[in-house]
Amino acid sequence: MMSVNRRRFLALALGWPAVASATATSAVNDYEPTDLVETLLSRAAVPRHSSELWVLIDDKEATLTIFRGNALVERFAPISLGRGGAKTQRIRGDNVTPL
């Protein structure tokens, strides 16, 4: 039988979780985080309750529309969005209007 000194035991004990996780294949290892901003923007056009006041900015039509629930309150057109258009802001100074 092979003798195990403290140093070898410590190396085996600390190395075991890394070896075990590298060989395991599960759904947890395949997880890709979702983009929170993209998820929120995809749900933005749907009011959470019937009396919620919300704003829709359409950068393609250059309009700003105010809704209460699903009812149109007021619409402003045209609006100015800046040279770079409107995008989710990632970097300060990227010349786009943040959504």
PDB file of N, CA and C in Angstrom:
ATOM      1  N   MET A   1       0.836  -1.173   0.000  1.00  0.00           N
ATOM      2  CA  MET A   1       0.000   0.000   0.000  1.00  0.00           C
ATOM      3  C   MET A   1       0.886   1.243   0.000  1.00  0.00           C
ATOM      4  N   MET A   2       0.465   2.249  -0.760  1.00  0.00           N
ATOM      5  CA  MET A   2       1.229   3.473  -0.895  1.00  0.00           C
ATOM      6  C   MET A   2       1.034   4.348   0.345  1.00  0.00           C
ATOM      7  N   SER A   3       2.126   4.856   0.875  1.00  0.00           N
ATOM      8  CA  SER A   3       1.987   5.718   2.050  1.00  0.00           C
ATOM      9  C   SER A   3       1.587   7.118   1.599  1.00  0.00           C
ATOM     10  N   VAL A   4       0.756   7.752   2.386  1.00  0.00           N
ATOM     11  CA  VAL A   4       0.275   9.093   2.071  1.00  0.00           C
ATOM     12  C   VAL A   4       0.712  10.021   3.200  1.00  0.00           C
ATOM     13  N   ASN A   5       1.605  10.933   2.859  1.00  0.00           N
ATOM     14  CA  ASN A   5       2.009  11.906   3.868  1.00  0.00           C
ATOM     15  C   ASN A   5       1.044  13.095   3.854  1.00  0.00           C
ATOM     16  N   ARG A   6       1.232  14.019   4.733  1.00  0.00           N
ATOM     17  CA  ARG A   6       0.310  15.151   4.857  1.00  0.00           C
ATOM     18  C   ARG A   6       0.265  15.995   3.588  1.00  0.00           C
ATOM     19  N   ARG A   7       1.417  16.247   2.991  1.00  0.00           N
ATOM     20  CA  ARG A   7       1.463  17.070   1.787  1.00  0.00           C
ATOM     21  C   ARG A   7       0.695  16.413   0.640  1.00  0.00           C
ATOM     22  N   ARG A   8       0.893  15.131   0.434  1.00  0.00           N
ATOM     23  CA  ARG A   8       0.192  14.412  -0.639  1.00  0.00           C
ATOM     24  C   ARG A   8      -1.305  14.347  -0.359  1.00  0.00           C
ATOM     25  N   PHE A   9      -1.675  14.105   0.902  1.00  0.00           N
ATOM     26  CA  PHE A   9      -3.082  14.052   1.267  1.00  0.00           C
ATOM     27  C   PHE A   9      -3.754  15.397   1.002  1.00  0.00           C
ATOM     28  N   LEU A  10      -3.083  16.487   1.364  1.00  0.00           N
ATOM     29  CA  LEU A  10      -3.631  17.818   1.149  1.00  0.00           C
ATOM     30  C   LEU A  10      -3.802  18.103  -0.342  1.00  0.00           C
ATOM     31  N   ALA A  11      -2.820  17.708  -1.143  1.00  0.00           N
ATOM     32  CA  ALA A  11      -2.918  17.914  -2.588  1.00  0.00           C
ATOM     33  C   ALA A  11      -4.073  17.119  -3.175  1.00  0.00           C
ATOM     34  N   LEU A  12      -4.254  15.883  -2.735  1.00  0.00           N
ATOM     35  CA  LEU A  12      -5.372  15.068  -3.218  1.00  0.00           C
ATOM     36  C   LEU A  12      -6.715  15.635  -2.761  1.00  0.00           C
ATOM     37  N   ALA A  13      -6.774  16.051  -1.497  1.00  0.00           N
ATOM     38  CA  ALA A  13      -8.026  16.573  -0.954  1.00  0.00           C
ATOM     39  C   ALA A  13      -8.441  17.870  -1.638  1.00  0.00           C
ATOM     40  N   LEU A  14      -7.479  18.754  -1.888  1.00  0.00           N
ATOM     41  CA  LEU A  14      -7.811  20.017  -2.541  1.00  0.00           C
ATOM     42  C   LEU A  14      -8.023  19.858  -4.040  1.00  0.00           C
ATOM     43  N   GLY A  15      -7.402  18.891  -4.648  1.00  0.00           N
ATOM     44  CA  GLY A  15      -7.545  18.685  -6.084  1.00  0.00           C
ATOM     45  C   GLY A  15      -8.789  17.922  -6.481  1.00  0.00           C
ATOM     46  N   TRP A  16      -9.363  17.172  -5.564  1.00  0.00           N
ATOM     47  CA  TRP A  16     -10.516  16.337  -5.891  1.00  0.00           C
ATOM     48  C   TRP A  16     -11.724  17.132  -6.388  1.00  0.00           C
ATOM     49  N   PRO A  17     -12.142  18.244  -5.765  1.00  0.00           N
ATOM     50  CA  PRO A  17     -13.301  18.983  -6.283  1.00  0.00           C
ATOM     51  C   PRO A  17     -13.088  19.502  -7.701  1.00  0.00           C
ATOM     52  N   ALA A  18     -11.872  19.932  -8.022  1.00  0.00           N
ATOM     53  CA  ALA A  18     -11.597  20.431  -9.367  1.00  0.00           C
ATOM     54  C   ALA A  18     -11.696  19.315 -10.395  1.00  0.00           C
ATOM     55  N   VAL A  19     -11.173  18.144 -10.064  1.00  0.00           N
ATOM     56  CA  VAL A  19     -11.240  17.005 -10.984  1.00  0.00           C
ATOM     57  C   VAL A  19     -12.677  16.538 -11.144  1.00  0.00           C
ATOM     58  N   ALA A  20     -13.415  16.473 -10.052  1.00  0.00           N
ATOM     59  CA  ALA A  20     -14.802  16.004 -10.100  1.00  0.00           C
ATOM     60  C   ALA A  20     -15.680  16.954 -10.897  1.00  0.00           C
ATOM     61  N   SER A  21     -15.494  18.262 -10.745  1.00  0.00           N
ATOM     62  CA  SER A  21     -16.338  19.213 -11.470  1.00  0.00           C
ATOM     63  C   SER A  21     -15.961  19.290 -12.943  1.00  0.00           C
ATOM     64  N   ALA A  22     -14.718  19.024 -13.284  1.00  0.00           N
ATOM     65  CA  ALA A  22     -14.298  19.071 -14.683  1.00  0.00           C
ATOM     66  C   ALA A  22     -14.864  17.909 -15.475  1.00  0.00           C
ATOM     67  N   THR A  23     -15.075  16.776 -14.844  1.00  0.00           N
ATOM     68  CA  THR A  23     -15.573  15.616 -15.569  1.00  0.00           C
ATOM     69  C   THR A  23     -17.088  15.530 -15.568  1.00  0.00           C
ATOM     70  N   ALA A  24     -17.738  16.243 -14.694  1.00  0.00           N
ATOM     71  CA  ALA A  24     -19.202  16.167 -14.615  1.00  0.00           C
ATOM     72  C   ALA A  24     -19.819  16.977 -15.742  1.00  0.00           C
ATOM     73  N   THR A  25     -20.854  16.431 -16.357  1.00  0.00           N
ATOM     74  CA  THR A  25     -21.621  17.158 -17.356  1.00  0.00           C
ATOM     75  C   THR A  25     -23.048  17.226 -16.867  1.00  0.00           C
ATOM     76  N   SER A  26     -23.499  18.419 -16.640  1.00  0.00           N
ATOM     77  CA  SER A  26     -24.868  18.606 -16.163  1.00  0.00           C
ATOM     78  C   SER A  26     -25.421  19.893 -16.733  1.00  0.00           C
ATOM     79  N   ALA A  27     -26.716  20.115 -16.512  1.00  0.00           N
ATOM     80  CA  ALA A  27     -27.358  21.327 -16.990  1.00  0.00           C
ATOM     81  C   ALA A  27     -26.805  22.562 -16.290  1.00  0.00           C
ATOM     82  N   VAL A  28     -26.296  22.399 -15.092  1.00  0.00           N
ATOM     83  CA  VAL A  28     -25.730  23.531 -14.365  1.00  0.00           C
ATOM     84  C   VAL A  28     -24.487  24.050 -15.078  1.00  0.00           C
ATOM     85  N   ASN A  29     -23.664  23.163 -15.621  1.00  0.00           N
ATOM     86  CA  ASN A  29     -22.452  23.580 -16.324  1.00  0.00           C
ATOM     87  C   ASN A  29     -22.764  24.222 -17.670  1.00  0.00           C
ATOM     88  N   ASP A  30     -23.921  23.927 -18.256  1.00  0.00           N
ATOM     89  CA  ASP A  30     -24.295  24.463 -19.555  1.00  0.00           C
ATOM     90  C   ASP A  30     -25.084  25.763 -19.446  1.00  0.00           C
ATOM     91  N   TYR A  31     -25.234  26.303 -18.244  1.00  0.00           N
ATOM     92  CA  TYR A  31     -26.038  27.499 -18.018  1.00  0.00           C
ATOM     93  C   TYR A  31     -25.369  28.718 -18.621  1.00  0.00           C
ATOM     94  N   GLU A  32     -26.140  29.492 -19.394  1.00  0.00           N
ATOM     95  CA  GLU A  32     -25.666  30.760 -19.912  1.00  0.00           C
ATOM     96  C   GLU A  32     -26.545  31.849 -19.315  1.00  0.00           C
ATOM     97  N   PRO A  33     -25.963  32.854 -18.692  1.00  0.00           N
ATOM     98  CA  PRO A  33     -26.789  33.897 -18.081  1.00  0.00           C
ATOM     99  C   PRO A  33     -27.544  34.697 -19.138  1.00  0.00           C
ATOM    100  N   THR A  34     -28.759  35.096 -18.803  1.00  0.00           N
ATOM    101  CA  THR A  34     -29.552  35.889 -19.730  1.00  0.00           C
ATOM    102  C   THR A  34     -29.217  37.360 -19.550  1.00  0.00           C
ATOM    103  N   ASP A  35     -29.411  38.111 -20.592  1.00  0.00           N
ATOM    104  CA  ASP A  35     -29.177  39.548 -20.544  1.00  0.00           C
ATOM    105  C   ASP A  35     -30.380  40.197 -19.881  1.00  0.00           C
ATOM    106  N   LEU A  36     -30.207  40.747 -18.684  1.00  0.00           N
ATOM    107  CA  LEU A  36     -31.308  41.324 -17.916  1.00  0.00           C
ATOM    108  C   LEU A  36     -31.949  42.487 -18.651  1.00  0.00           C
ATOM    109  N   VAL A  37     -31.153  43.337 -19.274  1.00  0.00           N
ATOM    110  CA  VAL A  37     -31.691  44.487 -19.996  1.00  0.00           C
ATOM    111  C   VAL A  37     -32.553  44.018 -21.158  1.00  0.00           C
ATOM    112  N   GLU A  38     -32.086  43.031 -21.898  1.00  0.00           N
ATOM    113  CA  GLU A  38     -32.848  42.502 -23.028  1.00  0.00           C
ATOM    114  C   GLU A  38     -34.163  41.888 -22.560  1.00  0.00           C
ATOM    115  N   THR A  39     -34.146  41.171 -21.451  1.00  0.00           N
ATOM    116  CA  THR A  39     -35.359  40.573 -20.904  1.00  0.00           C
ATOM    117  C   THR A  39     -36.352  41.644 -20.488  1.00  0.00           C
ATOM    118  N   LEU A  40     -35.878  42.673 -19.805  1.00  0.00           N
ATOM    119  CA  LEU A  40     -36.770  43.752 -19.382  1.00  0.00           C
ATOM    120  C   LEU A  40     -37.333  44.517 -20.571  1.00  0.00           C
ATOM    121  N   LEU A  41     -36.516  44.757 -21.594  1.00  0.00           N
ATOM    122  CA  LEU A  41     -37.007  45.470 -22.769  1.00  0.00           C
ATOM    123  C   LEU A  41     -38.033  44.656 -23.544  1.00  0.00           C
ATOM    124  N   SER A  42     -37.891  43.342 -23.571  1.00  0.00           N
ATOM    125  CA  SER A  42     -38.871  42.523 -24.285  1.00  0.00           C
ATOM    126  C   SER A  42     -40.229  42.541 -23.596  1.00  0.00           C
ATOM    127  N   ARG A  43     -40.243  42.779 -22.276  1.00  0.00           N
ATOM    128  CA  ARG A  43     -41.503  42.852 -21.528  1.00  0.00           C
ATOM    129  C   ARG A  43     -42.014  44.279 -21.366  1.00  0.00           C
ATOM    130  N   ALA A  44     -41.299  45.272 -21.879  1.00  0.00           N
ATOM    131  CA  ALA A  44     -41.623  46.674 -21.630  1.00  0.00           C
ATOM    132  C   ALA A  44     -42.942  47.114 -22.255  1.00  0.00           C
ATOM    133  N   ALA A  45     -43.336  46.534 -23.357  1.00  0.00           N
ATOM    134  CA  ALA A  45     -44.561  46.958 -24.038  1.00  0.00           C
ATOM    135  C   ALA A  45     -45.820  46.390 -23.404  1.00  0.00           C
ATOM    136  N   VAL A  46     -45.691  45.578 -22.391  1.00  0.00           N
ATOM    137  CA  VAL A  46     -46.844  44.963 -21.728  1.00  0.00           C
ATOM    138  C   VAL A  46     -46.974  45.553 -20.327  1.00  0.00           C
ATOM    139  N   PRO A  47     -48.087  46.284 -20.049  1.00  0.00           N
ATOM    140  CA  PRO A  47     -48.240  46.855 -18.704  1.00  0.00           C
ATOM    141  C   PRO A  47     -48.457  45.775 -17.655  1.00  0.00           C
ATOM    142  N   ARG A  48     -47.928  46.015 -16.447  1.00  0.00           N
ATOM    143  CA  ARG A  48     -48.072  45.044 -15.367  1.00  0.00           C
ATOM    144  C   ARG A  48     -49.467  45.057 -14.773  1.00  0.00           C
ATOM    145  N   HIS A  49     -50.121  46.224 -14.745  1.00  0.00           N
ATOM    146  CA  HIS A  49     -51.504  46.309 -14.281  1.00  0.00           C
ATOM    147  C   HIS A  49     -52.230  47.365 -15.105  1.00  0.00           C
ATOM    148  N   SER A  50     -53.567  47.402 -15.022  1.00  0.00           N
ATOM    149  CA  SER A  50     -54.382  48.196 -15.944  1.00  0.00           C
ATOM    150  C   SER A  50     -54.214  49.707 -15.796  1.00  0.00           C
ATOM    151  N   SER A  51     -53.806  50.219 -14.641  1.00  0.00           N
ATOM    152  CA  SER A  51     -53.678  51.673 -14.468  1.00  0.00           C
ATOM    153  C   SER A  51     -52.225  52.144 -14.468  1.00  0.00           C
ATOM    154  N   GLU A  52     -51.303  51.293 -14.862  1.00  0.00           N
ATOM    155  CA  GLU A  52     -49.884  51.660 -14.861  1.00  0.00           C
ATOM    156  C   GLU A  52     -49.602  52.705 -15.937  1.00  0.00           C
ATOM    157  N   LEU A  53     -48.875  53.748 -15.571  1.00  0.00           N
ATOM    158  CA  LEU A  53     -48.468  54.788 -16.498  1.00  0.00           C
ATOM    159  C   LEU A  53     -47.078  54.436 -17.019  1.00  0.00           C
ATOM    160  N   TRP A  54     -46.925  54.336 -18.352  1.00  0.00           N
ATOM    161  CA  TRP A  54     -45.640  53.958 -18.915  1.00  0.00           C
ATOM    162  C   TRP A  54     -45.385  54.681 -20.229  1.00  0.00           C
ATOM    163  N   VAL A  55     -44.110  54.727 -20.620  1.00  0.00           N
ATOM    164  CA  VAL A  55     -43.667  55.472 -21.797  1.00  0.00           C
ATOM    165  C   VAL A  55     -43.054  54.504 -22.799  1.00  0.00           C
ATOM    166  N   LEU A  56     -43.435  54.670 -24.069  1.00  0.00           N
ATOM    167  CA  LEU A  56     -42.847  53.877 -25.154  1.00  0.00           C
ATOM    168  C   LEU A  56     -42.101  54.824 -26.079  1.00  0.00           C
ATOM    169  N   ILE A  57     -40.798  54.585 -26.256  1.00  0.00           N
ATOM    170  CA  ILE A  57     -39.989  55.385 -27.175  1.00  0.00           C
ATOM    171  C   ILE A  57     -39.664  54.515 -28.376  1.00  0.00           C
ATOM    172  N   ASP A  58     -40.160  54.923 -29.542  1.00  0.00           N
ATOM    173  CA  ASP A  58     -39.914  54.182 -30.781  1.00  0.00           C
ATOM    174  C   ASP A  58     -38.831  54.922 -31.553  1.00  0.00           C
ATOM    175  N   ASP A  59     -37.626  54.357 -31.587  1.00  0.00           N
ATOM    176  CA  ASP A  59     -36.513  55.047 -32.239  1.00  0.00           C
ATOM    177  C   ASP A  59     -36.610  55.011 -33.757  1.00  0.00           C
ATOM    178  N   LYS A  60     -37.295  54.035 -34.329  1.00  0.00           N
ATOM    179  CA  LYS A  60     -37.429  53.969 -35.791  1.00  0.00           C
ATOM    180  C   LYS A  60     -38.386  55.040 -36.306  1.00  0.00           C
ATOM    181  N   GLU A  61     -39.478  55.299 -35.563  1.00  0.00           N
ATOM    182  CA  GLU A  61     -40.444  56.326 -35.961  1.00  0.00           C
ATOM    183  C   GLU A  61     -40.172  57.667 -35.293  1.00  0.00           C
ATOM    184  N   ALA A  62     -39.206  57.738 -34.377  1.00  0.00           N
ATOM    185  CA  ALA A  62     -38.851  58.945 -33.618  1.00  0.00           C
ATOM    186  C   ALA A  62     -40.070  59.503 -32.896  1.00  0.00           C
ATOM    187  N   THR A  63     -40.759  58.629 -32.131  1.00  0.00           N
ATOM    188  CA  THR A  63     -41.941  59.043 -31.381  1.00  0.00           C
ATOM    189  C   THR A  63     -41.799  58.653 -29.918  1.00  0.00           C
ATOM    190  N   LEU A  64     -42.482  59.412 -29.061  1.00  0.00           N
ATOM    191  CA  LEU A  64     -42.576  59.115 -27.643  1.00  0.00           C
ATOM    192  C   LEU A  64     -44.070  59.047 -27.331  1.00  0.00           C
ATOM    193  N   THR A  65     -44.535  57.914 -26.831  1.00  0.00           N
ATOM    194  CA  THR A  65     -45.949  57.701 -26.565  1.00  0.00           C
ATOM    195  C   THR A  65     -46.134  57.370 -25.097  1.00  0.00           C
ATOM    196  N   ILE A  66     -47.122  58.012 -24.466  1.00  0.00           N
ATOM    197  CA  ILE A  66     -47.435  57.770 -23.059  1.00  0.00           C
ATOM    198  C   ILE A  66     -48.733  56.979 -22.986  1.00  0.00           C
ATOM    199  N   PHE A  67     -48.717  55.887 -22.218  1.00  0.00           N
ATOM    200  CA  PHE A  67     -49.879  55.018 -22.053  1.00  0.00           C
ATOM    201  C   PHE A  67     -50.267  54.934 -20.583  1.00  0.00           C
ATOM    202  N   ARG A  68     -51.551  54.725 -20.322  1.00  0.00           N
ATOM    203  CA  ARG A  68     -52.037  54.328 -19.000  1.00  0.00           C
ATOM    204  C   ARG A  68     -52.697  52.974 -19.217  1.00  0.00           C
ATOM    205  N   GLY A  69     -52.027  51.915 -18.748  1.00  0.00           N
ATOM    206  CA  GLY A  69     -52.473  50.559 -19.074  1.00  0.00           C
ATOM    207  C   GLY A  69     -52.250  50.333 -20.556  1.00  0.00           C
ATOM    208  N   ASN A  70     -53.314  50.026 -21.297  1.00  0.00           N
ATOM    209  CA  ASN A  70     -53.229  49.880 -22.754  1.00  0.00           C
ATOM    210  C   ASN A  70     -53.794  51.085 -23.485  1.00  0.00           C
ATOM    211  N   ALA A  71     -54.281  52.103 -22.762  1.00  0.00           N
ATOM    212  CA  ALA A  71     -54.904  53.278 -23.380  1.00  0.00           C
ATOM    213  C   ALA A  71     -53.858  54.355 -23.666  1.00  0.00           C
ATOM    214  N   LEU A  72     -53.921  54.911 -24.874  1.00  0.00           N
ATOM    215  CA  LEU A  72     -53.018  55.979 -25.286  1.00  0.00           C
ATOM    216  C   LEU A  72     -53.403  57.273 -24.566  1.00  0.00           C
ATOM    217  N   VAL A  73     -52.436  57.910 -23.900  1.00  0.00           N
ATOM    218  CA  VAL A  73     -52.682  59.183 -23.215  1.00  0.00           C
ATOM    219  C   VAL A  73     -52.220  60.337 -24.091  1.00  0.00           C
ATOM    220  N   GLU A  74     -50.972  60.280 -24.560  1.00  0.00           N
ATOM    221  CA  GLU A  74     -50.437  61.338 -25.408  1.00  0.00           C
ATOM    222  C   GLU A  74     -49.284  60.797 -26.241  1.00  0.00           C
ATOM    223  N   ARG A  75     -49.105  61.425 -27.434  1.00  0.00           N
ATOM    224  CA  ARG A  75     -48.049  60.993 -28.348  1.00  0.00           C
ATOM    225  C   ARG A  75     -47.279  62.221 -28.814  1.00  0.00           C
ATOM    226  N   PHE A  76     -45.938  62.131 -28.783  1.00  0.00           N
ATOM    227  CA  PHE A  76     -45.081  63.222 -29.223  1.00  0.00           C
ATOM    228  C   PHE A  76     -44.258  62.740 -30.412  1.00  0.00           C
ATOM    229  N   ALA A  77     -44.284  63.547 -31.495  1.00  0.00           N
ATOM    230  CA  ALA A  77     -43.503  63.210 -32.679  1.00  0.00           C
ATOM    231  C   ALA A  77     -43.167  64.502 -33.401  1.00  0.00           C
ATOM    232  N   PRO A  78     -42.048  64.659 -33.983  1.00  0.00           N
ATOM    233  CA  PRO A  78     -40.861  63.817 -33.874  1.00  0.00           C
ATOM    234  C   PRO A  78     -40.077  64.167 -32.608  1.00  0.00           C
ATOM    235  N   ILE A  79     -39.265  63.237 -32.167  1.00  0.00           N
ATOM    236  CA  ILE A  79     -38.367  63.469 -31.044  1.00  0.00           C
ATOM    237  C   ILE A  79     -36.937  63.268 -31.531  1.00  0.00           C
ATOM    238  N   SER A  80     -35.997  63.886 -30.850  1.00  0.00           N
ATOM    239  CA  SER A  80     -34.590  63.779 -31.229  1.00  0.00           C
ATOM    240  C   SER A  80     -33.904  62.723 -30.375  1.00  0.00           C
ATOM    241  N   LEU A  81     -33.197  61.813 -31.025  1.00  0.00           N
ATOM    242  CA  LEU A  81     -32.520  60.727 -30.323  1.00  0.00           C
ATOM    243  C   LEU A  81     -31.005  60.843 -30.335  1.00  0.00           C
ATOM    244  N   GLY A  82     -30.458  61.754 -31.087  1.00  0.00           N
ATOM    245  CA  GLY A  82     -29.004  61.872 -31.149  1.00  0.00           C
ATOM    246  C   GLY A  82     -28.445  61.174 -32.378  1.00  0.00           C
ATOM    247  N   ARG A  83     -27.175  61.404 -32.649  1.00  0.00           N
ATOM    248  CA  ARG A  83     -26.544  60.867 -33.864  1.00  0.00           C
ATOM    249  C   ARG A  83     -26.481  59.352 -33.913  1.00  0.00           C
ATOM    250  N   GLY A  84     -26.236  58.726 -32.778  1.00  0.00           N
ATOM    251  CA  GLY A  84     -26.055  57.276 -32.747  1.00  0.00           C
ATOM    252  C   GLY A  84     -27.341  56.485 -32.599  1.00  0.00           C
ATOM    253  N   GLY A  85     -28.499  57.161 -32.581  1.00  0.00           N
ATOM    254  CA  GLY A  85     -29.756  56.444 -32.378  1.00  0.00           C
ATOM    255  C   GLY A  85     -29.957  56.129 -30.910  1.00  0.00           C
ATOM    256  N   ALA A  86     -30.777  55.129 -30.625  1.00  0.00           N
ATOM    257  CA  ALA A  86     -31.060  54.725 -29.244  1.00  0.00           C
ATOM    258  C   ALA A  86     -30.699  53.262 -29.069  1.00  0.00           C
ATOM    259  N   LYS A  87     -29.960  52.964 -28.023  1.00  0.00           N
ATOM    260  CA  LYS A  87     -29.553  51.592 -27.708  1.00  0.00           C
ATOM    261  C   LYS A  87     -29.445  51.461 -26.203  1.00  0.00           C
ATOM    262  N   THR A  88     -29.350  50.229 -25.718  1.00  0.00           N
ATOM    263  CA  THR A  88     -29.065  50.042 -24.302  1.00  0.00           C
ATOM    264  C   THR A  88     -27.645  50.528 -24.060  1.00  0.00           C
ATOM    265  N   GLN A  89     -27.498  51.412 -23.092  1.00  0.00           N
ATOM    266  CA  GLN A  89     -26.196  52.047 -22.874  1.00  0.00           C
ATOM    267  C   GLN A  89     -25.224  51.072 -22.244  1.00  0.00           C
ATOM    268  N   ARG A  90     -24.106  50.857 -22.886  1.00  0.00           N
ATOM    269  CA  ARG A  90     -23.057  49.969 -22.388  1.00  0.00           C
ATOM    270  C   ARG A  90     -21.822  50.758 -21.972  1.00  0.00           C
ATOM    271  N   ILE A  91     -21.500  51.809 -22.730  1.00  0.00           N
ATOM    272  CA  ILE A  91     -20.271  52.560 -22.492  1.00  0.00           C
ATOM    273  C   ILE A  91     -20.604  54.051 -22.462  1.00  0.00           C
ATOM    274  N   ARG A  92     -20.069  54.740 -21.477  1.00  0.00           N
ATOM    275  CA  ARG A  92     -20.269  56.179 -21.408  1.00  0.00           C
ATOM    276  C   ARG A  92     -19.513  56.842 -22.553  1.00  0.00           C
ATOM    277  N   GLY A  93     -20.180  57.779 -23.233  1.00  0.00           N
ATOM    278  CA  GLY A  93     -19.543  58.497 -24.326  1.00  0.00           C
ATOM    279  C   GLY A  93     -19.623  57.777 -25.655  1.00  0.00           C
ATOM    280  N   ASP A  94     -20.545  56.811 -25.813  1.00  0.00           N
ATOM    281  CA  ASP A  94     -20.644  56.082 -27.080  1.00  0.00           C
ATOM    282  C   ASP A  94     -21.584  56.764 -28.075  1.00  0.00           C
ATOM    283  N   ASN A  95     -22.023  58.004 -27.785  1.00  0.00           N
ATOM    284  CA  ASN A  95     -22.836  58.833 -28.676  1.00  0.00           C
ATOM    285  C   ASN A  95     -24.170  58.217 -29.055  1.00  0.00           C
ATOM    286  N   VAL A  96     -24.772  57.454 -28.160  1.00  0.00           N
ATOM    287  CA  VAL A  96     -26.123  56.943 -28.388  1.00  0.00           C
ATOM    288  C   VAL A  96     -27.018  57.398 -27.244  1.00  0.00           C
ATOM    289  N   THR A  97     -28.307  57.526 -27.538  1.00  0.00           N
ATOM    290  CA  THR A  97     -29.282  57.873 -26.512  1.00  0.00           C
ATOM    291  C   THR A  97     -29.624  56.612 -25.743  1.00  0.00           C
ATOM    292  N   PRO A  98     -29.412  56.600 -24.428  1.00  0.00           N
ATOM    293  CA  PRO A  98     -29.698  55.373 -23.660  1.00  0.00           C
ATOM    294  C   PRO A  98     -31.188  55.113 -23.549  1.00  0.00           C
ATOM    295  N   LEU A  99     -31.568  53.849 -23.635  1.00  0.00           N
ATOM    296  CA  LEU A  99     -32.971  53.463 -23.449  1.00  0.00           C
ATOM    297  C   LEU A  99     -33.221  53.167 -22.004  1.00  0.00           C
TER     298      LEU A  99
END
